[in-house]
All heavy atoms as atom14 arrays in JSON, in Angstrom:
{
  "sequence": "SSAGSRLVDRFPGVPTKLAGLVIEKWEPATLPKLDVLF",
  "atom14_mask": [
    [1, 1, 1, 1, 1, 1, 0, 0, 0, 0, 0, 0, 0, 0],
    [1, 1, 1, 1, 1, 1, 0, 0, 0, 0, 0, 0, 0, 0],
    [1, 1, 1, 1, 1, 0, 0, 0, 0, 0, 0, 0, 0, 0],
    [1, 1, 1, 1, 0, 0, 0, 0, 0, 0, 0, 0, 0, 0],
    [1, 1, 1, 1, 1, 1, 0, 0, 0, 0, 0, 0, 0, 0],
    [1, 1, 1, 1, 1, 1, 1, 1, 1, 1, 1, 0, 0, 0],
    [1, 1, 1, 1, 1, 1, 1, 1, 0, 0, 0, 0, 0, 0],
    [1, 1, 1, 1, 1, 1, 1, 0, 0, 0, 0, 0, 0, 0],
    [1, 1, 1, 1, 1, 1, 1, 1, 0, 0, 0, 0, 0, 0],
    [1, 1, 1, 1, 1, 1, 1, 1, 1, 1, 1, 0, 0, 0],
    [1, 1, 1, 1, 1, 1, 1, 1, 1, 1, 1, 0, 0, 0],
    [1, 1, 1, 1, 1, 1, 1, 0, 0, 0, 0, 0, 0, 0],
    [1, 1, 1, 1, 0, 0, 0, 0, 0, 0, 0, 0, 0, 0],
    [1, 1, 1, 1, 1, 1, 1, 0, 0, 0, 0, 0, 0, 0],
    [1, 1, 1, 1, 1, 1, 1, 0, 0, 0, 0, 0, 0, 0],
    [1, 1, 1, 1, 1, 1, 1, 0, 0, 0, 0, 0, 0, 0],
    [1, 1, 1, 1, 1, 1, 1, 1, 1, 0, 0, 0, 0, 0],
    [1, 1, 1, 1, 1, 1, 1, 1, 0, 0, 0, 0, 0, 0],
    [1, 1, 1, 1, 1, 0, 0, 0, 0, 0, 0, 0, 0, 0],
    [1, 1, 1, 1, 0, 0, 0, 0, 0, 0, 0, 0, 0, 0],
    [1, 1, 1, 1, 1, 1, 1, 1, 0, 0, 0, 0, 0, 0],
    [1, 1, 1, 1, 1, 1, 1, 0, 0, 0, 0, 0, 0, 0],
    [1, 1, 1, 1, 1, 1, 1, 1, 0, 0, 0, 0, 0, 0],
    [1, 1, 1, 1, 1, 1, 1, 1, 1, 0, 0, 0, 0, 0],
    [1, 1, 1, 1, 1, 1, 1, 1, 1, 0, 0, 0, 0, 0],
    [1, 1, 1, 1, 1, 1, 1, 1, 1, 1, 1, 1, 1, 1],
    [1, 1, 1, 1, 1, 1, 1, 1, 1, 0, 0, 0, 0, 0],
    [1, 1, 1, 1, 1, 1, 1, 0, 0, 0, 0, 0, 0, 0],
    [1, 1, 1, 1, 1, 0, 0, 0, 0, 0, 0, 0, 0, 0],
    [1, 1, 1, 1, 1, 1, 1, 0, 0, 0, 0, 0, 0, 0],
    [1, 1, 1, 1, 1, 1, 1, 1, 0, 0, 0, 0, 0, 0],
    [1, 1, 1, 1, 1, 1, 1, 0, 0, 0, 0, 0, 0, 0],
    [1, 1, 1, 1, 1, 1, 1, 1, 1, 0, 0, 0, 0, 0],
    [1, 1, 1, 1, 1, 1, 1, 1, 0, 0, 0, 0, 0, 0],
    [1, 1, 1, 1, 1, 1, 1, 1, 0, 0, 0, 0, 0, 0],
    [1, 1, 1, 1, 1, 1, 1, 0, 0, 0, 0, 0, 0, 0],
    [1, 1, 1, 1, 1, 1, 1, 1, 0, 0, 0, 0, 0, 0],
    [1, 1, 1, 1, 1, 1, 1, 1, 1, 1, 1, 0, 0, 0]
  ],
  "atom14_positions": [
    [[0.82, -1.22, 0.0], [0.0, 0.0, 0.0], [0.85, 1.27, 0.0], [0.4, 2.32, -0.46], [-0.93, 0.01, 1.22], [-0.18, -0.01, 2.42], [0.0, 0.0, 0.0], [0.0, 0.0, 0.0], [0.0, 0.0, 0.0], [0.0, 0.0, 0.0], [0.0, 0.0, 0.0], [0.0, 0.0, 0.0], [0.0, 0.0, 0.0], [0.0, 0.0, 0.0]],
    [[2.1, 1.17, 0.49], [2.95, 2.37, 0.59], [3.88, 2.53, -0.6], [4.65, 3.49, -0.66], [3.77, 2.31, 1.88], [4.57, 1.13, 1.91], [0.0, 0.0, 0.0], [0.0, 0.0, 0.0], [0.0, 0.0, 0.0], [0.0, 0.0, 0.0], [0.0, 0.0, 0.0], [0.0, 0.0, 0.0], [0.0, 0.0, 0.0], [0.0, 0.0, 0.0]],
    [[3.86, 1.6, -1.56], [4.78, 1.66, -2.69], [4.65, 2.97, -3.45], [3.54, 3.46, -3.7], [4.54, 0.47, -3.62], [0.0, 0.0, 0.0], [0.0, 0.0, 0.0], [0.0, 0.0, 0.0], [0.0, 0.0, 0.0], [0.0, 0.0, 0.0], [0.0, 0.0, 0.0], [0.0, 0.0, 0.0], [0.0, 0.0, 0.0], [0.0, 0.0, 0.0]],
    [[5.78, 3.55, -3.8], [5.81, 4.82, -4.52], [6.03, 6.03, -3.65], [6.41, 7.09, -4.14], [0.0, 0.0, 0.0], [0.0, 0.0, 0.0], [0.0, 0.0, 0.0], [0.0, 0.0, 0.0], [0.0, 0.0, 0.0], [0.0, 0.0, 0.0], [0.0, 0.0, 0.0], [0.0, 0.0, 0.0], [0.0, 0.0, 0.0], [0.0, 0.0, 0.0]],
    [[5.8, 5.9, -2.36], [6.03, 7.03, -1.45], [7.45, 6.97, -0.9], [8.11, 5.94, -0.93], [5.02, 7.01, -0.3], [5.09, 5.8, 0.42], [0.0, 0.0, 0.0], [0.0, 0.0, 0.0], [0.0, 0.0, 0.0], [0.0, 0.0, 0.0], [0.0, 0.0, 0.0], [0.0, 0.0, 0.0], [0.0, 0.0, 0.0], [0.0, 0.0, 0.0]],
    [[7.92, 8.1, -0.4], [9.24, 8.16, 0.21], [9.14, 7.76, 1.67], [8.08, 7.87, 2.29], [9.82, 9.56, 0.08], [10.0, 10.07, -1.34], [10.45, 11.52, -1.31], [9.48, 12.35, -0.59], [9.75, 13.55, -0.06], [10.98, 14.06, -0.17], [8.82, 14.23, 0.57], [0.0, 0.0, 0.0], [0.0, 0.0, 0.0], [0.0, 0.0, 0.0]],
    [[10.26, 7.34, 2.22], [10.25, 6.98, 3.64], [9.78, 8.13, 4.5], [9.05, 7.94, 5.47], [11.65, 6.53, 4.09], [12.07, 5.09, 3.78], [13.42, 4.81, 4.41], [11.04, 4.1, 4.28], [0.0, 0.0, 0.0], [0.0, 0.0, 0.0], [0.0, 0.0, 0.0], [0.0, 0.0, 0.0], [0.0, 0.0, 0.0], [0.0, 0.0, 0.0]],
    [[10.2, 9.35, 4.16], [9.84, 10.49, 4.99], [8.33, 10.75, 4.97], [7.78, 11.33, 5.92], [10.62, 11.75, 4.56], [10.11, 12.27, 3.21], [10.57, 12.84, 5.62], [0.0, 0.0, 0.0], [0.0, 0.0, 0.0], [0.0, 0.0, 0.0], [0.0, 0.0, 0.0], [0.0, 0.0, 0.0], [0.0, 0.0, 0.0], [0.0, 0.0, 0.0]],
    [[7.65, 10.31, 3.92], [6.2, 10.47, 3.87], [5.5, 9.54, 4.85], [4.44, 9.88, 5.38], [5.69, 10.2, 2.45], [6.26, 11.17, 1.43], [6.48, 12.34, 1.8], [6.51, 10.76, 0.28], [0.0, 0.0, 0.0], [0.0, 0.0, 0.0], [0.0, 0.0, 0.0], [0.0, 0.0, 0.0], [0.0, 0.0, 0.0], [0.0, 0.0, 0.0]],
    [[6.07, 8.39, 5.07], [5.49, 7.41, 6.01], [6.02, 7.58, 7.41], [5.33, 7.29, 8.39], [5.79, 5.99, 5.51], [5.27, 5.67, 4.14], [3.77, 5.57, 4.1], [3.27, 4.42, 4.86], [2.01, 4.03, 4.89], [1.11, 4.7, 4.19], [1.63, 2.99, 5.6], [0.0, 0.0, 0.0], [0.0, 0.0, 0.0], [0.0, 0.0, 0.0]],
    [[7.28, 8.01, 7.51], [7.95, 8.18, 8.81], [8.6, 9.56, 8.84], [9.78, 9.71, 8.51], [9.01, 7.09, 9.01], [8.49, 5.69, 8.93], [8.56, 4.97, 7.74], [7.92, 5.08, 10.04], [8.08, 3.67, 7.66], [7.43, 3.78, 9.98], [7.51, 3.08, 8.78], [0.0, 0.0, 0.0], [0.0, 0.0, 0.0], [0.0, 0.0, 0.0]],
    [[7.84, 10.59, 9.2], [8.37, 11.96, 9.13], [9.64, 12.19, 9.95], [10.41, 13.11, 9.64], [7.2, 12.79, 9.68], [5.99, 11.99, 9.39], [6.42, 10.55, 9.58], [0.0, 0.0, 0.0], [0.0, 0.0, 0.0], [0.0, 0.0, 0.0], [0.0, 0.0, 0.0], [0.0, 0.0, 0.0], [0.0, 0.0, 0.0], [0.0, 0.0, 0.0]],
    [[9.9, 11.38, 10.95], [11.09, 11.57, 11.77], [12.3, 10.79, 11.32], [13.32, 10.75, 12.02], [0.0, 0.0, 0.0], [0.0, 0.0, 0.0], [0.0, 0.0, 0.0], [0.0, 0.0, 0.0], [0.0, 0.0, 0.0], [0.0, 0.0, 0.0], [0.0, 0.0, 0.0], [0.0, 0.0, 0.0], [0.0, 0.0, 0.0], [0.0, 0.0, 0.0]],
    [[12.24, 10.16, 10.14], [13.34, 9.34, 9.67], [14.59, 10.21, 9.46], [14.48, 11.39, 9.1], [12.95, 8.63, 8.36], [12.89, 9.59, 7.18], [13.89, 7.48, 8.05], [0.0, 0.0, 0.0], [0.0, 0.0, 0.0], [0.0, 0.0, 0.0], [0.0, 0.0, 0.0], [0.0, 0.0, 0.0], [0.0, 0.0, 0.0], [0.0, 0.0, 0.0]],
    [[15.8, 9.69, 9.72], [17.02, 10.48, 9.49], [17.1, 11.0, 8.07], [16.64, 10.35, 7.12], [18.14, 9.48, 9.79], [17.54, 8.5, 10.73], [16.11, 8.37, 10.31], [0.0, 0.0, 0.0], [0.0, 0.0, 0.0], [0.0, 0.0, 0.0], [0.0, 0.0, 0.0], [0.0, 0.0, 0.0], [0.0, 0.0, 0.0], [0.0, 0.0, 0.0]],
    [[17.72, 12.15, 7.91], [17.81, 12.81, 6.61], [18.42, 11.91, 5.54], [17.99, 11.91, 4.38], [18.63, 14.1, 6.74], [18.02, 14.95, 7.72], [18.71, 14.84, 5.42], [0.0, 0.0, 0.0], [0.0, 0.0, 0.0], [0.0, 0.0, 0.0], [0.0, 0.0, 0.0], [0.0, 0.0, 0.0], [0.0, 0.0, 0.0], [0.0, 0.0, 0.0]],
    [[19.41, 11.12, 5.92], [20.1, 10.28, 4.93], [19.17, 9.23, 4.31], [19.47, 8.7, 3.24], [21.3, 9.58, 5.58], [20.93, 8.59, 6.69], [22.16, 7.94, 7.29], [21.76, 6.95, 8.39], [22.95, 6.27, 8.99], [0.0, 0.0, 0.0], [0.0, 0.0, 0.0], [0.0, 0.0, 0.0], [0.0, 0.0, 0.0], [0.0, 0.0, 0.0]],
    [[18.06, 8.93, 4.98], [17.12, 7.92, 4.47], [15.82, 8.52, 3.97], [14.99, 7.81, 3.4], [16.8, 6.9, 5.57], [17.96, 6.06, 6.09], [17.5, 5.18, 7.24], [18.56, 5.2, 4.98], [0.0, 0.0, 0.0], [0.0, 0.0, 0.0], [0.0, 0.0, 0.0], [0.0, 0.0, 0.0], [0.0, 0.0, 0.0], [0.0, 0.0, 0.0]],
    [[15.64, 9.82, 4.16], [14.34, 10.44, 3.89], [13.85, 10.24, 2.47], [12.67, 10.02, 2.21], [14.4, 11.93, 4.22], [0.0, 0.0, 0.0], [0.0, 0.0, 0.0], [0.0, 0.0, 0.0], [0.0, 0.0, 0.0], [0.0, 0.0, 0.0], [0.0, 0.0, 0.0], [0.0, 0.0, 0.0], [0.0, 0.0, 0.0], [0.0, 0.0, 0.0]],
    [[14.76, 10.32, 1.5], [14.36, 10.25, 0.1], [14.26, 8.87, -0.47], [13.88, 8.71, -1.65], [0.0, 0.0, 0.0], [0.0, 0.0, 0.0], [0.0, 0.0, 0.0], [0.0, 0.0, 0.0], [0.0, 0.0, 0.0], [0.0, 0.0, 0.0], [0.0, 0.0, 0.0], [0.0, 0.0, 0.0], [0.0, 0.0, 0.0], [0.0, 0.0, 0.0]],
    [[14.55, 7.84, 0.32], [14.46, 6.46, -0.19], [13.01, 6.14, -0.53], [12.11, 6.29, 0.29], [14.99, 5.49, 0.86], [15.11, 4.02, 0.43], [16.14, 3.85, -0.69], [15.48, 3.14, 1.63], [0.0, 0.0, 0.0], [0.0, 0.0, 0.0], [0.0, 0.0, 0.0], [0.0, 0.0, 0.0], [0.0, 0.0, 0.0], [0.0, 0.0, 0.0]],
    [[12.8, 5.7, -1.75], [11.44, 5.42, -2.23], [11.06, 3.98, -1.91], [11.83, 3.04, -2.15], [11.33, 5.67, -3.74], [9.95, 5.28, -4.26], [11.62, 7.14, -4.05], [0.0, 0.0, 0.0], [0.0, 0.0, 0.0], [0.0, 0.0, 0.0], [0.0, 0.0, 0.0], [0.0, 0.0, 0.0], [0.0, 0.0, 0.0], [0.0, 0.0, 0.0]],
    [[9.88, 3.81, -1.35], [9.37, 2.48, -1.04], [8.92, 1.83, -2.35], [8.13, 2.39, -3.1], [8.2, 2.55, -0.05], [8.66, 3.22, 1.25], [7.64, 1.16, 0.23], [7.53, 3.49, 2.23], [0.0, 0.0, 0.0], [0.0, 0.0, 0.0], [0.0, 0.0, 0.0], [0.0, 0.0, 0.0], [0.0, 0.0, 0.0], [0.0, 0.0, 0.0]],
    [[9.43, 0.64, -2.62], [9.14, -0.05, -3.87], [8.07, -1.12, -3.69], [7.8, -1.56, -2.57], [10.43, -0.69, -4.41], [11.54, 0.31, -4.68], [12.77, -0.34, -5.28], [12.62, -1.36, -6.0], [13.88, 0.17, -5.05], [0.0, 0.0, 0.0], [0.0, 0.0, 0.0], [0.0, 0.0, 0.0], [0.0, 0.0, 0.0], [0.0, 0.0, 0.0]],
    [[7.47, -1.5, -4.79], [6.55, -2.63, -4.77], [7.35, -3.9, -4.51], [8.39, -4.12, -5.12], [5.82, -2.73, -6.11], [4.68, -3.74, -6.13], [3.47, -3.24, -5.36], [2.28, -4.17, -5.54], [1.11, -3.73, -4.76], [0.0, 0.0, 0.0], [0.0, 0.0, 0.0], [0.0, 0.0, 0.0], [0.0, 0.0, 0.0], [0.0, 0.0, 0.0]],
    [[6.9, -4.73, -3.58], [7.64, -5.92, -3.21], [7.61, -6.94, -4.34], [6.56, -7.45, -4.71], [7.03, -6.5, -1.94], [7.4, -7.9, -1.55], [6.52, -8.88, -1.19], [8.7, -8.48, -1.43], [7.19, -10.04, -0.85], [8.55, -9.82, -0.99], [10.0, -8.01, -1.65], [9.61, -10.68, -0.79], [11.07, -8.86, -1.44], [10.87, -10.17, -1.0]],
    [[8.81, -7.21, -4.87], [8.96, -8.2, -5.93], [10.35, -8.82, -5.81], [11.36, -8.17, -6.1], [8.79, -7.55, -7.3], [9.02, -8.49, -8.48], [8.3, -9.81, -8.33], [7.06, -9.8, -8.29], [8.99, -10.86, -8.25], [0.0, 0.0, 0.0], [0.0, 0.0, 0.0], [0.0, 0.0, 0.0], [0.0, 0.0, 0.0], [0.0, 0.0, 0.0]],
    [[10.43, -10.08, -5.37], [11.74, -10.71, -5.17], [12.63, -10.7, -6.4], [13.86, -10.64, -6.28], [11.37, -12.14, -4.76], [9.98, -12.04, -4.21], [9.32, -10.96, -4.98], [0.0, 0.0, 0.0], [0.0, 0.0, 0.0], [0.0, 0.0, 0.0], [0.0, 0.0, 0.0], [0.0, 0.0, 0.0], [0.0, 0.0, 0.0], [0.0, 0.0, 0.0]],
    [[12.05, -10.76, -7.58], [12.85, -10.84, -8.81], [13.59, -9.55, -9.12], [14.54, -9.56, -9.9], [11.96, -11.22, -9.99], [0.0, 0.0, 0.0], [0.0, 0.0, 0.0], [0.0, 0.0, 0.0], [0.0, 0.0, 0.0], [0.0, 0.0, 0.0], [0.0, 0.0, 0.0], [0.0, 0.0, 0.0], [0.0, 0.0, 0.0], [0.0, 0.0, 0.0]],
    [[13.18, -8.44, -8.52], [13.8, -7.15, -8.85], [14.59, -6.58, -7.67], [14.82, -5.37, -7.62], [12.72, -6.15, -9.29], [11.77, -5.95, -8.22], [12.0, -6.64, -10.53], [0.0, 0.0, 0.0], [0.0, 0.0, 0.0], [0.0, 0.0, 0.0], [0.0, 0.0, 0.0], [0.0, 0.0, 0.0], [0.0, 0.0, 0.0], [0.0, 0.0, 0.0]],
    [[15.01, -7.43, -6.75], [15.79, -6.93, -5.61], [17.11, -6.34, -6.08], [17.76, -6.88, -6.98], [16.08, -8.07, -4.63], [14.96, -8.55, -3.72], [15.46, -9.72, -2.87], [14.47, -7.44, -2.83], [0.0, 0.0, 0.0], [0.0, 0.0, 0.0], [0.0, 0.0, 0.0], [0.0, 0.0, 0.0], [0.0, 0.0, 0.0], [0.0, 0.0, 0.0]],
    [[17.53, -5.24, -5.47], [18.88, -4.75, -5.74], [19.9, -5.64, -5.04], [19.55, -6.62, -4.37], [18.86, -3.35, -5.12], [17.9, -3.48, -3.99], [16.84, -4.43, -4.46], [0.0, 0.0, 0.0], [0.0, 0.0, 0.0], [0.0, 0.0, 0.0], [0.0, 0.0, 0.0], [0.0, 0.0, 0.0], [0.0, 0.0, 0.0], [0.0, 0.0, 0.0]],
    [[21.16, -5.31, -5.17], [22.19, -6.08, -4.48], [22.04, -5.88, -2.98], [22.11, -4.76, -2.47], [23.58, -5.61, -4.92], [24.7, -6.38, -4.24], [26.07, -5.86, -4.66], [27.17, -6.61, -3.91], [28.52, -6.09, -4.27], [0.0, 0.0, 0.0], [0.0, 0.0, 0.0], [0.0, 0.0, 0.0], [0.0, 0.0, 0.0], [0.0, 0.0, 0.0]],
    [[21.78, -6.98, -2.26], [21.58, -6.94, -0.82], [22.43, -8.01, -0.15], [22.7, -9.06, -0.72], [20.11, -7.19, -0.46], [19.05, -6.17, -0.84], [17.67, -6.69, -0.43], [19.33, -4.83, -0.17], [0.0, 0.0, 0.0], [0.0, 0.0, 0.0], [0.0, 0.0, 0.0], [0.0, 0.0, 0.0], [0.0, 0.0, 0.0], [0.0, 0.0, 0.0]],
    [[22.79, -7.73, 1.1], [23.43, -8.73, 1.94], [22.41, -9.4, 2.86], [22.47, -10.6, 3.11], [24.55, -8.1, 2.78], [25.65, -7.52, 1.92], [26.22, -8.27, 1.11], [25.94, -6.31, 2.04], [0.0, 0.0, 0.0], [0.0, 0.0, 0.0], [0.0, 0.0, 0.0], [0.0, 0.0, 0.0], [0.0, 0.0, 0.0], [0.0, 0.0, 0.0]],
    [[21.48, -8.59, 3.39], [20.48, -9.09, 4.35], [19.13, -8.48, 4.01], [19.03, -7.28, 3.75], [20.86, -8.74, 5.81], [19.8, -9.28, 6.77], [22.23, -9.28, 6.17], [0.0, 0.0, 0.0], [0.0, 0.0, 0.0], [0.0, 0.0, 0.0], [0.0, 0.0, 0.0], [0.0, 0.0, 0.0], [0.0, 0.0, 0.0], [0.0, 0.0, 0.0]],
    [[18.1, -9.32, 4.05], [16.72, -8.85, 3.88], [15.93, -9.17, 5.14], [15.89, -10.32, 5.58], [16.06, -9.53, 2.68], [14.59, -9.16, 2.42], [14.47, -7.7, 2.0], [13.99, -10.09, 1.36], [0.0, 0.0, 0.0], [0.0, 0.0, 0.0], [0.0, 0.0, 0.0], [0.0, 0.0, 0.0], [0.0, 0.0, 0.0], [0.0, 0.0, 0.0]],
    [[15.29, -8.15, 5.71], [14.35, -8.34, 6.82], [12.94, -8.4, 6.23], [12.53, -7.47, 5.53], [14.44, -7.19, 7.82], [15.75, -7.1, 8.54], [16.8, -6.34, 8.02], [15.96, -7.76, 9.74], [18.01, -6.24, 8.68], [17.16, -7.68, 10.41], [18.2, -6.91, 9.88], [0.0, 0.0, 0.0], [0.0, 0.0, 0.0], [0.0, 0.0, 0.0]]
  ]
}
C-alpha cells in the first residue's frame, strides 16, 4: 500500500540520509544487491 512514497512520507522523523528512499513494490525478482533482507 505504501509503494511509490518516500520513507519520509510514512515516517516523518526518519534520518535525513534515508528520507528520500522510495518504497518499492515488493517483488523478489527485482531486488537490488543486498546482503540481508528483513
